[in-house]
Amino acid sequence: MDLQFIGIDPDTGKNGSPTAWVDLESADIVIQSYTADKETQTQCVENTAPGHTKGIPAHETVIRIPARLVPVLREACDVAERAQL
C-alpha cells in the first residue's frame, strides 16, 4: 500500500483531524473522520439503499465528514482518478 496524503480539515488542531489519503496502488480514497452518532447511524439504516438489507455490516461504519473537507475530497478524487490511468 502506498498512501499519498491529500489534506486535512483546515479548521482543526493537531489531534483527531479529519484527513484524506489516496492509495496509489488501488486508487481507493482513505478517510479518517468523526464516527457518526447513534442518531445519524439510525437515519442511515432507515434510509438504506434500495434493494439492500437494512443495517450496517460489521465490516463497515458510518462516518461524518465536515463540509469544510469537501475541497480536500475533490482533490482526493482527482488523484484517485489519475492513479487509475
N, C-alpha and C. Protein backbone atom coordinates (compact mmCIF):
# COMPACT_ATOMS: atom_id res chain seq x y z
N MET A 1 0.85 -1.17 0.00
CA MET A 1 0.00 0.00 0.00
C MET A 1 0.89 1.23 0.00
N ASP A 2 0.55 2.17 -0.87
CA ASP A 2 1.32 3.42 -0.99
C ASP A 2 0.35 4.58 -0.83
N LEU A 3 0.16 5.07 0.43
CA LEU A 3 -0.79 6.15 0.68
C LEU A 3 -0.16 7.51 0.41
N GLN A 4 -0.88 8.30 -0.36
CA GLN A 4 -0.47 9.69 -0.60
C GLN A 4 -1.36 10.59 0.24
N PHE A 5 -0.77 11.36 1.14
CA PHE A 5 -1.51 12.33 1.94
C PHE A 5 -2.09 13.39 1.01
N ILE A 6 -3.38 13.67 1.16
CA ILE A 6 -4.03 14.69 0.32
C ILE A 6 -4.29 15.96 1.11
N GLY A 7 -4.91 15.82 2.26
CA GLY A 7 -5.20 17.03 3.02
C GLY A 7 -5.89 16.72 4.33
N ILE A 8 -5.99 17.76 5.13
CA ILE A 8 -6.54 17.66 6.47
C ILE A 8 -7.54 18.79 6.68
N ASP A 9 -8.51 18.56 7.54
CA ASP A 9 -9.51 19.57 7.86
C ASP A 9 -8.78 20.84 8.30
N PRO A 10 -8.96 21.94 7.58
CA PRO A 10 -8.21 23.16 7.88
C PRO A 10 -8.60 23.84 9.19
N ASP A 11 -9.74 23.46 9.75
CA ASP A 11 -10.21 24.13 10.97
C ASP A 11 -9.97 23.34 12.24
N THR A 12 -9.11 22.33 12.20
CA THR A 12 -8.87 21.55 13.40
C THR A 12 -7.43 21.74 13.86
N GLY A 13 -7.20 21.29 15.06
CA GLY A 13 -5.86 21.43 15.63
C GLY A 13 -4.94 20.30 15.20
N LYS A 14 -4.10 19.89 16.09
CA LYS A 14 -3.09 18.88 15.77
C LYS A 14 -3.53 17.46 16.14
N ASN A 15 -4.70 17.30 16.73
CA ASN A 15 -5.16 15.98 17.15
C ASN A 15 -6.53 15.66 16.57
N GLY A 16 -6.70 14.45 16.03
CA GLY A 16 -8.01 13.96 15.62
C GLY A 16 -8.64 14.70 14.46
N SER A 17 -7.87 15.15 13.54
CA SER A 17 -8.41 15.92 12.43
C SER A 17 -8.86 15.03 11.28
N PRO A 18 -10.06 15.28 10.72
CA PRO A 18 -10.46 14.55 9.52
C PRO A 18 -9.40 14.73 8.43
N THR A 19 -9.03 13.61 7.82
CA THR A 19 -7.89 13.58 6.90
C THR A 19 -8.23 12.68 5.72
N ALA A 20 -7.65 12.98 4.56
CA ALA A 20 -7.86 12.14 3.37
C ALA A 20 -6.52 11.76 2.75
N TRP A 21 -6.44 10.51 2.30
CA TRP A 21 -5.30 9.97 1.57
C TRP A 21 -5.82 9.24 0.35
N VAL A 22 -4.95 8.94 -0.60
CA VAL A 22 -5.29 8.07 -1.73
C VAL A 22 -4.27 6.94 -1.76
N ASP A 23 -4.77 5.72 -1.86
CA ASP A 23 -3.93 4.54 -2.04
C ASP A 23 -3.57 4.51 -3.52
N LEU A 24 -2.34 4.80 -3.84
CA LEU A 24 -1.93 4.92 -5.25
C LEU A 24 -1.92 3.58 -5.98
N GLU A 25 -1.91 2.47 -5.25
CA GLU A 25 -1.94 1.16 -5.89
C GLU A 25 -3.35 0.76 -6.30
N SER A 26 -4.33 1.04 -5.45
CA SER A 26 -5.72 0.64 -5.74
C SER A 26 -6.59 1.81 -6.20
N ALA A 27 -6.11 3.04 -6.01
CA ALA A 27 -6.85 4.28 -6.27
C ALA A 27 -8.02 4.47 -5.29
N ASP A 28 -8.01 3.74 -4.18
CA ASP A 28 -9.02 3.93 -3.15
C ASP A 28 -8.75 5.21 -2.38
N ILE A 29 -9.81 5.87 -1.97
CA ILE A 29 -9.69 7.04 -1.10
C ILE A 29 -9.83 6.55 0.34
N VAL A 30 -8.91 6.93 1.20
CA VAL A 30 -8.91 6.51 2.59
C VAL A 30 -9.19 7.76 3.43
N ILE A 31 -10.17 7.65 4.33
CA ILE A 31 -10.60 8.81 5.10
C ILE A 31 -10.62 8.50 6.59
N GLN A 32 -10.07 9.42 7.35
CA GLN A 32 -10.22 9.42 8.81
C GLN A 32 -11.18 10.56 9.11
N SER A 33 -12.23 10.27 9.86
CA SER A 33 -13.16 11.33 10.20
C SER A 33 -13.91 10.97 11.48
N TYR A 34 -14.90 11.76 11.80
CA TYR A 34 -15.66 11.57 13.02
C TYR A 34 -16.60 10.38 12.90
N THR A 35 -16.69 9.57 13.95
CA THR A 35 -17.66 8.49 14.00
C THR A 35 -19.04 9.12 14.11
N ALA A 36 -19.95 8.68 13.27
CA ALA A 36 -21.30 9.23 13.30
C ALA A 36 -21.99 8.85 14.61
N ASP A 37 -22.81 9.77 15.12
CA ASP A 37 -23.54 9.49 16.36
C ASP A 37 -24.67 8.50 16.08
N LYS A 38 -25.28 7.99 17.15
CA LYS A 38 -26.33 6.97 17.02
C LYS A 38 -27.50 7.46 16.17
N GLU A 39 -27.88 8.72 16.32
CA GLU A 39 -29.00 9.26 15.55
C GLU A 39 -28.69 9.21 14.05
N THR A 40 -27.48 9.60 13.68
CA THR A 40 -27.08 9.56 12.27
C THR A 40 -27.04 8.13 11.77
N GLN A 41 -26.49 7.21 12.55
CA GLN A 41 -26.44 5.80 12.15
C GLN A 41 -27.85 5.25 11.96
N THR A 42 -28.76 5.59 12.86
CA THR A 42 -30.15 5.12 12.74
C THR A 42 -30.79 5.66 11.47
N GLN A 43 -30.56 6.93 11.18
CA GLN A 43 -31.10 7.52 9.95
C GLN A 43 -30.56 6.80 8.71
N CYS A 44 -29.27 6.45 8.73
CA CYS A 44 -28.68 5.73 7.60
C CYS A 44 -29.31 4.35 7.44
N VAL A 45 -29.56 3.67 8.55
CA VAL A 45 -30.18 2.34 8.50
C VAL A 45 -31.61 2.45 7.96
N GLU A 46 -32.32 3.45 8.41
CA GLU A 46 -33.71 3.63 7.96
C GLU A 46 -33.79 4.12 6.51
N ASN A 47 -32.77 4.79 6.05
CA ASN A 47 -32.73 5.35 4.70
C ASN A 47 -31.77 4.55 3.82
N THR A 48 -31.81 3.23 3.94
CA THR A 48 -30.85 2.37 3.26
C THR A 48 -31.04 2.42 1.74
N ALA A 49 -30.05 1.97 1.03
CA ALA A 49 -30.10 1.94 -0.43
C ALA A 49 -31.18 0.97 -0.89
N PRO A 50 -31.94 1.34 -1.91
CA PRO A 50 -33.00 0.45 -2.41
C PRO A 50 -32.44 -0.93 -2.75
N GLY A 51 -33.14 -1.96 -2.31
CA GLY A 51 -32.73 -3.32 -2.61
C GLY A 51 -31.71 -3.90 -1.65
N HIS A 52 -31.25 -3.11 -0.69
CA HIS A 52 -30.26 -3.57 0.27
C HIS A 52 -30.94 -3.90 1.59
N THR A 53 -30.35 -4.83 2.32
CA THR A 53 -30.82 -5.17 3.65
C THR A 53 -30.53 -4.02 4.59
N LYS A 54 -31.47 -3.73 5.48
CA LYS A 54 -31.23 -2.67 6.46
C LYS A 54 -30.16 -3.11 7.44
N GLY A 55 -29.38 -2.15 7.87
CA GLY A 55 -28.34 -2.43 8.84
C GLY A 55 -26.98 -1.98 8.34
N ILE A 56 -26.04 -1.93 9.23
CA ILE A 56 -24.66 -1.57 8.90
C ILE A 56 -23.83 -2.83 9.14
N PRO A 57 -23.27 -3.41 8.08
CA PRO A 57 -22.49 -4.64 8.25
C PRO A 57 -21.34 -4.43 9.24
N ALA A 58 -20.93 -5.50 9.88
CA ALA A 58 -19.88 -5.43 10.89
C ALA A 58 -18.56 -4.89 10.34
N HIS A 59 -18.31 -5.08 9.05
CA HIS A 59 -17.05 -4.62 8.46
C HIS A 59 -17.15 -3.19 7.90
N GLU A 60 -18.26 -2.52 8.13
CA GLU A 60 -18.46 -1.14 7.67
C GLU A 60 -18.83 -0.25 8.85
N THR A 61 -18.72 1.07 8.63
CA THR A 61 -19.12 2.02 9.66
C THR A 61 -19.67 3.26 8.96
N VAL A 62 -20.33 4.10 9.69
CA VAL A 62 -20.82 5.38 9.18
C VAL A 62 -19.94 6.46 9.77
N ILE A 63 -19.38 7.30 8.90
CA ILE A 63 -18.57 8.42 9.37
C ILE A 63 -19.22 9.72 8.93
N ARG A 64 -18.89 10.75 9.63
CA ARG A 64 -19.38 12.09 9.28
C ARG A 64 -18.18 12.90 8.82
N ILE A 65 -18.30 13.46 7.61
CA ILE A 65 -17.23 14.26 7.03
C ILE A 65 -17.67 15.72 7.04
N PRO A 66 -16.91 16.59 7.68
CA PRO A 66 -17.31 18.01 7.72
C PRO A 66 -17.30 18.62 6.32
N ALA A 67 -18.26 19.48 6.06
CA ALA A 67 -18.37 20.11 4.74
C ALA A 67 -17.09 20.86 4.36
N ARG A 68 -16.37 21.36 5.34
CA ARG A 68 -15.14 22.10 5.03
C ARG A 68 -14.05 21.19 4.47
N LEU A 69 -14.26 19.86 4.51
CA LEU A 69 -13.30 18.92 3.94
C LEU A 69 -13.59 18.63 2.47
N VAL A 70 -14.68 19.15 1.93
CA VAL A 70 -15.07 18.89 0.54
C VAL A 70 -13.95 19.23 -0.45
N PRO A 71 -13.28 20.37 -0.34
CA PRO A 71 -12.19 20.64 -1.30
C PRO A 71 -11.09 19.59 -1.25
N VAL A 72 -10.79 19.08 -0.06
CA VAL A 72 -9.78 18.03 0.08
C VAL A 72 -10.26 16.76 -0.61
N LEU A 73 -11.55 16.44 -0.45
CA LEU A 73 -12.10 15.24 -1.09
C LEU A 73 -12.12 15.38 -2.61
N ARG A 74 -12.39 16.57 -3.10
CA ARG A 74 -12.32 16.78 -4.56
C ARG A 74 -10.92 16.49 -5.07
N GLU A 75 -9.93 16.98 -4.35
CA GLU A 75 -8.55 16.72 -4.74
C GLU A 75 -8.24 15.23 -4.66
N ALA A 76 -8.73 14.57 -3.59
CA ALA A 76 -8.52 13.13 -3.45
C ALA A 76 -9.15 12.37 -4.62
N CYS A 77 -10.33 12.79 -5.03
CA CYS A 77 -10.99 12.15 -6.19
C CYS A 77 -10.15 12.32 -7.45
N ASP A 78 -9.61 13.50 -7.65
CA ASP A 78 -8.76 13.74 -8.84
C ASP A 78 -7.51 12.87 -8.80
N VAL A 79 -6.86 12.78 -7.65
CA VAL A 79 -5.67 11.95 -7.50
C VAL A 79 -6.01 10.48 -7.74
N ALA A 80 -7.12 10.02 -7.17
CA ALA A 80 -7.55 8.63 -7.34
C ALA A 80 -7.83 8.32 -8.81
N GLU A 81 -8.48 9.26 -9.47
CA GLU A 81 -8.78 9.06 -10.90
C GLU A 81 -7.51 8.97 -11.72
N ARG A 82 -6.54 9.83 -11.45
CA ARG A 82 -5.26 9.78 -12.17
C ARG A 82 -4.49 8.50 -11.86
N ALA A 83 -4.62 7.98 -10.64
CA ALA A 83 -3.92 6.76 -10.24
C ALA A 83 -4.43 5.56 -11.02
N GLN A 84 -5.66 5.62 -11.48
CA GLN A 84 -6.24 4.51 -12.24
C GLN A 84 -5.75 4.49 -13.69
N LEU A 85 -5.19 5.57 -14.18
CA LEU A 85 -4.78 5.65 -15.57
C LEU A 85 -3.54 4.83 -15.86
